[in-house]
Amino acid sequence: MALLFPMLVQPPLVFGQARETKVFFLENARKKLWCAFTNEQAWKAAVQETDSMRVGAMIFSNNELSHIELTEEDESGDWAVNDQYFIDDHSRIIRLARVINVIPEDTSILESYSIRNGNATQIQTTAKRLSTGKPARVLSSTLRPELPIETSLKAFPFSALLGTQKAKTIEKTCVDDGDSR
């Protein structure tokens, strides 16, 4: 469960810098819900309570969604995937940075994608050893998960949270799971 909290630490605000706010979310698979939290401590407690395997944050810059952080791990703890989707001023996903950590193989793989017109194009892949940080070869693996790459905001299973003002203002908001996985 330690891999579920890779969220960025927020630096101090500098004059002229956009104000960022975070709304944290999780999947409650037992109740088939996605829930958003404005309070990070309440979110962390809910993650522990629900044993959620998919968590993340929506980051708003000047009240507009600028990126989405999504972390998913498998029940065995063999792998974790940390996705960071970047969104333009027209609410379109334009880029994905994905980190796949495969624990038994001591490998961390960074994949970068450009997203345009509903298509994702891989632009870079690098790998390193988790234990040393030294470069490694990218190998095909049965342990490496094949997770979808979302190319529109509506494709996310928690997309109903993205369109509601309540998610940004109420301490906890839940919506039905829109995912079939």
C-alpha atoms as a PDB file:
ATOM      1  CA  MET A   1       0.000   0.000   0.000  1.00  0.00           C
ATOM      2  CA  ALA A   2       3.018   2.297   0.358  1.00  0.00           C
ATOM      3  CA  LEU A   3       3.161   2.819  -3.408  1.00  0.00           C
ATOM      4  CA  LEU A   4      -0.251   4.465  -3.488  1.00  0.00           C
ATOM      5  CA  PHE A   5       0.880   7.885  -2.272  1.00  0.00           C
ATOM      6  CA  PRO A   6       3.385   9.188  -4.846  1.00  0.00           C
ATOM      7  CA  MET A   7       1.502  12.480  -5.142  1.00  0.00           C
ATOM      8  CA  LEU A   8       3.552  15.615  -5.604  1.00  0.00           C
ATOM      9  CA  VAL A   9       4.383  17.888  -2.701  1.00  0.00           C
ATOM     10  CA  GLN A  10       3.022  21.336  -3.450  1.00  0.00           C
ATOM     11  CA  PRO A  11       5.724  24.063  -3.569  1.00  0.00           C
ATOM     12  CA  PRO A  12       5.070  27.521  -2.138  1.00  0.00           C
ATOM     13  CA  LEU A  13       3.141  29.927  -4.367  1.00  0.00           C
ATOM     14  CA  VAL A  14       5.313  32.443  -6.236  1.00  0.00           C
ATOM     15  CA  PHE A  15       4.014  35.845  -7.395  1.00  0.00           C
ATOM     16  CA  GLY A  16       2.364  35.477 -10.816  1.00  0.00           C
ATOM     17  CA  GLN A  17       2.190  31.689 -10.504  1.00  0.00           C
ATOM     18  CA  ALA A  18      -1.108  29.913 -11.101  1.00  0.00           C
ATOM     19  CA  ARG A  19      -2.873  28.788  -7.933  1.00  0.00           C
ATOM     20  CA  GLU A  20      -3.187  24.999  -7.801  1.00  0.00           C
ATOM     21  CA  THR A  21      -5.745  23.010  -5.863  1.00  0.00           C
ATOM     22  CA  LYS A  22      -6.020  19.248  -5.605  1.00  0.00           C
ATOM     23  CA  VAL A  23      -9.069  17.050  -5.359  1.00  0.00           C
ATOM     24  CA  PHE A  24      -8.160  13.504  -4.334  1.00  0.00           C
ATOM     25  CA  PHE A  25     -10.115  10.474  -5.498  1.00  0.00           C
ATOM     26  CA  LEU A  26     -10.322   6.717  -5.052  1.00  0.00           C
ATOM     27  CA  GLU A  27     -12.195   3.733  -6.365  1.00  0.00           C
ATOM     28  CA  ASN A  28     -14.325   1.870  -3.844  1.00  0.00           C
ATOM     29  CA  ALA A  29     -14.554  -1.404  -5.784  1.00  0.00           C
ATOM     30  CA  ARG A  30     -16.784  -3.117  -3.217  1.00  0.00           C
ATOM     31  CA  LYS A  31     -19.478  -0.454  -3.510  1.00  0.00           C
ATOM     32  CA  LYS A  32     -18.760   0.244  -7.198  1.00  0.00           C
ATOM     33  CA  LEU A  33     -18.154   3.943  -6.507  1.00  0.00           C
ATOM     34  CA  TRP A  34     -15.569   6.590  -7.255  1.00  0.00           C
ATOM     35  CA  CYS A  35     -15.254   9.157  -4.477  1.00  0.00           C
ATOM     36  CA  ALA A  36     -13.571  12.570  -4.463  1.00  0.00           C
ATOM     37  CA  PHE A  37     -12.212  14.311  -1.372  1.00  0.00           C
ATOM     38  CA  THR A  38     -11.128  17.906  -0.848  1.00  0.00           C
ATOM     39  CA  ASN A  39      -9.374  16.927   2.397  1.00  0.00           C
ATOM     40  CA  GLU A  40      -6.210  14.853   1.919  1.00  0.00           C
ATOM     41  CA  GLN A  41      -6.322  13.298   5.393  1.00  0.00           C
ATOM     42  CA  ALA A  42      -9.932  12.131   4.901  1.00  0.00           C
ATOM     43  CA  TRP A  43      -8.906  10.689   1.521  1.00  0.00           C
ATOM     44  CA  LYS A  44      -5.927   8.804   2.996  1.00  0.00           C
ATOM     45  CA  ALA A  45      -8.161   7.342   5.709  1.00  0.00           C
ATOM     46  CA  ALA A  46     -10.708   6.248   3.069  1.00  0.00           C
ATOM     47  CA  VAL A  47      -7.960   4.630   0.969  1.00  0.00           C
ATOM     48  CA  GLN A  48      -6.933   2.544   3.973  1.00  0.00           C
ATOM     49  CA  GLU A  49     -10.543   1.729   4.888  1.00  0.00           C
ATOM     50  CA  THR A  50     -11.543   0.613   1.375  1.00  0.00           C
ATOM     51  CA  ASP A  51      -8.217  -1.036   0.401  1.00  0.00           C
ATOM     52  CA  SER A  52      -8.483   0.903  -2.840  1.00  0.00           C
ATOM     53  CA  MET A  53      -6.168  -0.217  -5.637  1.00  0.00           C
ATOM     54  CA  ARG A  54      -6.876   2.844  -7.829  1.00  0.00           C
ATOM     55  CA  VAL A  55      -6.343   6.303  -6.401  1.00  0.00           C
ATOM     56  CA  GLY A  56      -5.321   9.704  -7.634  1.00  0.00           C
ATOM     57  CA  ALA A  57      -5.770  13.431  -7.741  1.00  0.00           C
ATOM     58  CA  MET A  58      -7.246  16.005 -10.066  1.00  0.00           C
ATOM     59  CA  ILE A  59      -5.100  19.141 -10.126  1.00  0.00           C
ATOM     60  CA  PHE A  60      -6.769  22.430 -10.929  1.00  0.00           C
ATOM     61  CA  SER A  61      -4.781  25.487 -11.952  1.00  0.00           C
ATOM     62  CA  ASN A  62      -6.724  28.735 -11.649  1.00  0.00           C
ATOM     63  CA  ASN A  63      -9.894  26.645 -11.267  1.00  0.00           C
ATOM     64  CA  GLU A  64      -9.305  24.715 -14.543  1.00  0.00           C
ATOM     65  CA  LEU A  65      -8.334  21.030 -14.658  1.00  0.00           C
ATOM     66  CA  SER A  66      -4.640  20.940 -15.641  1.00  0.00           C
ATOM     67  CA  HIS A  67      -3.660  17.358 -14.962  1.00  0.00           C
ATOM     68  CA  ILE A  68      -4.748  14.072 -13.450  1.00  0.00           C
ATOM     69  CA  GLU A  69      -2.556  11.783 -11.380  1.00  0.00           C
ATOM     70  CA  LEU A  70      -3.733   8.159 -11.307  1.00  0.00           C
ATOM     71  CA  THR A  71      -2.072   5.282  -9.465  1.00  0.00           C
ATOM     72  CA  GLU A  72      -3.080   1.650  -9.781  1.00  0.00           C
ATOM     73  CA  GLU A  73      -1.495  -1.413  -8.238  1.00  0.00           C
ATOM     74  CA  ASP A  74      -2.344  -5.075  -8.298  1.00  0.00           C
ATOM     75  CA  GLU A  75      -3.523  -6.986  -5.244  1.00  0.00           C
ATOM     76  CA  SER A  76      -0.312  -9.016  -4.995  1.00  0.00           C
ATOM     77  CA  GLY A  77       1.847  -5.898  -4.909  1.00  0.00           C
ATOM     78  CA  ASP A  78       3.907  -7.105  -7.883  1.00  0.00           C
ATOM     79  CA  TRP A  79       3.421  -3.884  -9.824  1.00  0.00           C
ATOM     80  CA  ALA A  80       2.207  -0.302  -9.585  1.00  0.00           C
ATOM     81  CA  VAL A  81       1.459   2.139 -12.403  1.00  0.00           C
ATOM     82  CA  ASN A  82       1.607   5.889 -11.849  1.00  0.00           C
ATOM     83  CA  ASP A  83       0.018   7.912 -14.655  1.00  0.00           C
ATOM     84  CA  GLN A  84       0.149  11.665 -15.049  1.00  0.00           C
ATOM     85  CA  TYR A  85      -2.211  12.987 -17.718  1.00  0.00           C
ATOM     86  CA  PHE A  86      -1.706  16.584 -18.849  1.00  0.00           C
ATOM     87  CA  ILE A  87      -4.713  18.586 -20.052  1.00  0.00           C
ATOM     88  CA  ASP A  88      -4.728  21.690 -22.266  1.00  0.00           C
ATOM     89  CA  ASP A  89      -6.865  24.836 -22.001  1.00  0.00           C
ATOM     90  CA  HIS A  90      -9.571  23.193 -24.134  1.00  0.00           C
ATOM     91  CA  SER A  91     -10.001  20.238 -21.709  1.00  0.00           C
ATOM     92  CA  ARG A  92      -8.173  17.834 -24.024  1.00  0.00           C
ATOM     93  CA  ILE A  93      -5.613  15.303 -22.850  1.00  0.00           C
ATOM     94  CA  ILE A  94      -2.368  16.144 -24.619  1.00  0.00           C
ATOM     95  CA  ARG A  95       0.283  14.041 -22.885  1.00  0.00           C
ATOM     96  CA  LEU A  96       0.776  11.062 -20.602  1.00  0.00           C
ATOM     97  CA  ALA A  97       3.795  10.275 -18.464  1.00  0.00           C
ATOM     98  CA  ARG A  98       3.522   6.686 -17.160  1.00  0.00           C
ATOM     99  CA  VAL A  99       5.797   4.988 -14.642  1.00  0.00           C
ATOM    100  CA  ILE A 100       5.451   1.213 -14.316  1.00  0.00           C
ATOM    101  CA  ASN A 101       7.198  -0.332 -11.317  1.00  0.00           C
ATOM    102  CA  VAL A 102       7.567  -4.119 -11.524  1.00  0.00           C
ATOM    103  CA  ILE A 103       8.792  -5.093  -8.057  1.00  0.00           C
ATOM    104  CA  PRO A 104       9.831  -8.757  -8.610  1.00  0.00           C
ATOM    105  CA  GLU A 105      11.896  -7.702 -11.649  1.00  0.00           C
ATOM    106  CA  ASP A 106      13.432  -4.681  -9.855  1.00  0.00           C
ATOM    107  CA  THR A 107      12.449  -2.510 -12.825  1.00  0.00           C
ATOM    108  CA  SER A 108      10.908   0.919 -13.262  1.00  0.00           C
ATOM    109  CA  ILE A 109       9.804   1.835 -16.791  1.00  0.00           C
ATOM    110  CA  LEU A 110       9.014   5.399 -17.826  1.00  0.00           C
ATOM    111  CA  GLU A 111       6.816   5.754 -20.899  1.00  0.00           C
ATOM    112  CA  SER A 112       5.885   9.084 -22.473  1.00  0.00           C
ATOM    113  CA  TYR A 113       2.998   9.530 -24.891  1.00  0.00           C
ATOM    114  CA  SER A 114       1.728  12.377 -27.003  1.00  0.00           C
ATOM    115  CA  ILE A 115      -2.062  12.370 -27.275  1.00  0.00           C
ATOM    116  CA  ARG A 116      -3.813  13.985 -30.220  1.00  0.00           C
ATOM    117  CA  ASN A 117      -7.138  13.501 -31.982  1.00  0.00           C
ATOM    118  CA  GLY A 118      -8.002  10.501 -29.800  1.00  0.00           C
ATOM    119  CA  ASN A 119      -4.720   8.700 -30.507  1.00  0.00           C
ATOM    120  CA  ALA A 120      -1.776   8.044 -28.205  1.00  0.00           C
ATOM    121  CA  THR A 121       1.696   7.935 -29.747  1.00  0.00           C
ATOM    122  CA  GLN A 122       4.551   6.623 -27.663  1.00  0.00           C
ATOM    123  CA  ILE A 123       7.445   9.069 -27.813  1.00  0.00           C
ATOM    124  CA  GLN A 124       9.885   7.643 -25.278  1.00  0.00           C
ATOM    125  CA  THR A 125      10.560   4.581 -23.128  1.00  0.00           C
ATOM    126  CA  THR A 126      13.346   4.257 -20.586  1.00  0.00           C
ATOM    127  CA  ALA A 127      13.970   1.823 -17.769  1.00  0.00           C
ATOM    128  CA  LYS A 128      16.009   1.721 -14.593  1.00  0.00           C
ATOM    129  CA  ARG A 129      16.613  -0.611 -11.691  1.00  0.00           C
ATOM    130  CA  LEU A 130      14.409   0.199  -8.700  1.00  0.00           C
ATOM    131  CA  SER A 131      17.196  -0.809  -6.295  1.00  0.00           C
ATOM    132  CA  THR A 132      20.014   1.237  -7.828  1.00  0.00           C
ATOM    133  CA  GLY A 133      18.461   3.780 -10.186  1.00  0.00           C
ATOM    134  CA  LYS A 134      20.878   2.617 -12.874  1.00  0.00           C
ATOM    135  CA  PRO A 135      19.683   2.183 -16.481  1.00  0.00           C
ATOM    136  CA  ALA A 136      18.113  -1.142 -17.404  1.00  0.00           C
ATOM    137  CA  ARG A 137      16.806  -2.749 -20.570  1.00  0.00           C
ATOM    138  CA  VAL A 138      13.063  -2.697 -21.209  1.00  0.00           C
ATOM    139  CA  LEU A 139      12.015  -6.337 -21.363  1.00  0.00           C
ATOM    140  CA  SER A 140       8.642  -7.792 -22.194  1.00  0.00           C
ATOM    141  CA  SER A 141       7.281  -9.370 -19.057  1.00  0.00           C
ATOM    142  CA  THR A 142       4.284 -11.360 -17.966  1.00  0.00           C
ATOM    143  CA  LEU A 143       4.263  -9.239 -14.783  1.00  0.00           C
ATOM    144  CA  ARG A 144       4.096  -5.922 -16.649  1.00  0.00           C
ATOM    145  CA  PRO A 145       0.483  -4.730 -16.754  1.00  0.00           C
ATOM    146  CA  GLU A 146      -1.191  -3.634 -19.966  1.00  0.00           C
ATOM    147  CA  LEU A 147      -3.418  -0.801 -18.787  1.00  0.00           C
ATOM    148  CA  PRO A 148      -5.440   1.378 -21.149  1.00  0.00           C
ATOM    149  CA  ILE A 149      -4.313   4.848 -22.141  1.00  0.00           C
ATOM    150  CA  GLU A 150      -7.208   7.264 -21.919  1.00  0.00           C
ATOM    151  CA  THR A 151      -7.330   9.770 -24.758  1.00  0.00           C
ATOM    152  CA  SER A 152     -10.347  11.792 -23.610  1.00  0.00           C
ATOM    153  CA  LEU A 153     -11.618  12.893 -20.222  1.00  0.00           C
ATOM    154  CA  LYS A 154     -14.937  11.119 -20.811  1.00  0.00           C
ATOM    155  CA  ALA A 155     -13.100   7.775 -21.041  1.00  0.00           C
ATOM    156  CA  PHE A 156     -12.006   7.808 -17.396  1.00  0.00           C
ATOM    157  CA  PRO A 157     -14.165   5.589 -15.169  1.00  0.00           C
ATOM    158  CA  PHE A 158     -14.416   8.525 -12.740  1.00  0.00           C
ATOM    159  CA  SER A 159     -15.329  11.051 -15.467  1.00  0.00           C
ATOM    160  CA  ALA A 160     -18.573  11.940 -13.649  1.00  0.00           C
ATOM    161  CA  LEU A 161     -16.406  13.503 -10.931  1.00  0.00           C
ATOM    162  CA  LEU A 162     -14.672  15.747 -13.466  1.00  0.00           C
ATOM    163  CA  GLY A 163     -17.853  17.511 -14.485  1.00  0.00           C
ATOM    164  CA  THR A 164     -19.214  18.308 -11.062  1.00  0.00           C
ATOM    165  CA  GLN A 165     -18.491  21.455  -9.081  1.00  0.00           C
ATOM    166  CA  LYS A 166     -19.312  19.468  -5.921  1.00  0.00           C
ATOM    167  CA  ALA A 167     -16.088  17.490  -6.269  1.00  0.00           C
ATOM    168  CA  LYS A 168     -14.114  20.722  -5.781  1.00  0.00           C
ATOM    169  CA  THR A 169     -16.183  22.171  -2.964  1.00  0.00           C
ATOM    170  CA  ILE A 170     -17.690  19.395  -0.829  1.00  0.00           C
ATOM    171  CA  GLU A 171     -15.451  17.351   1.467  1.00  0.00           C
ATOM    172  CA  LYS A 172     -16.613  14.020  -0.044  1.00  0.00           C
ATOM    173  CA  THR A 173     -18.549  13.304  -3.250  1.00  0.00           C
ATOM    174  CA  CYS A 174     -19.209   9.852  -4.746  1.00  0.00           C
ATOM    175  CA  VAL A 175     -20.472   8.738  -8.152  1.00  0.00           C
ATOM    176  CA  ASP A 176     -21.275   5.333  -9.663  1.00  0.00           C
ATOM    177  CA  ASP A 177     -18.365   3.434 -11.155  1.00  0.00           C
ATOM    178  CA  GLY A 178     -18.347   4.017 -14.906  1.00  0.00           C
ATOM    179  CA  ASP A 179     -15.724   1.342 -15.486  1.00  0.00           C
ATOM    180  CA  SER A 180     -16.179  -2.177 -16.781  1.00  0.00           C
ATOM    181  CA  ARG A 181     -12.761  -3.474 -15.651  1.00  0.00           C
END
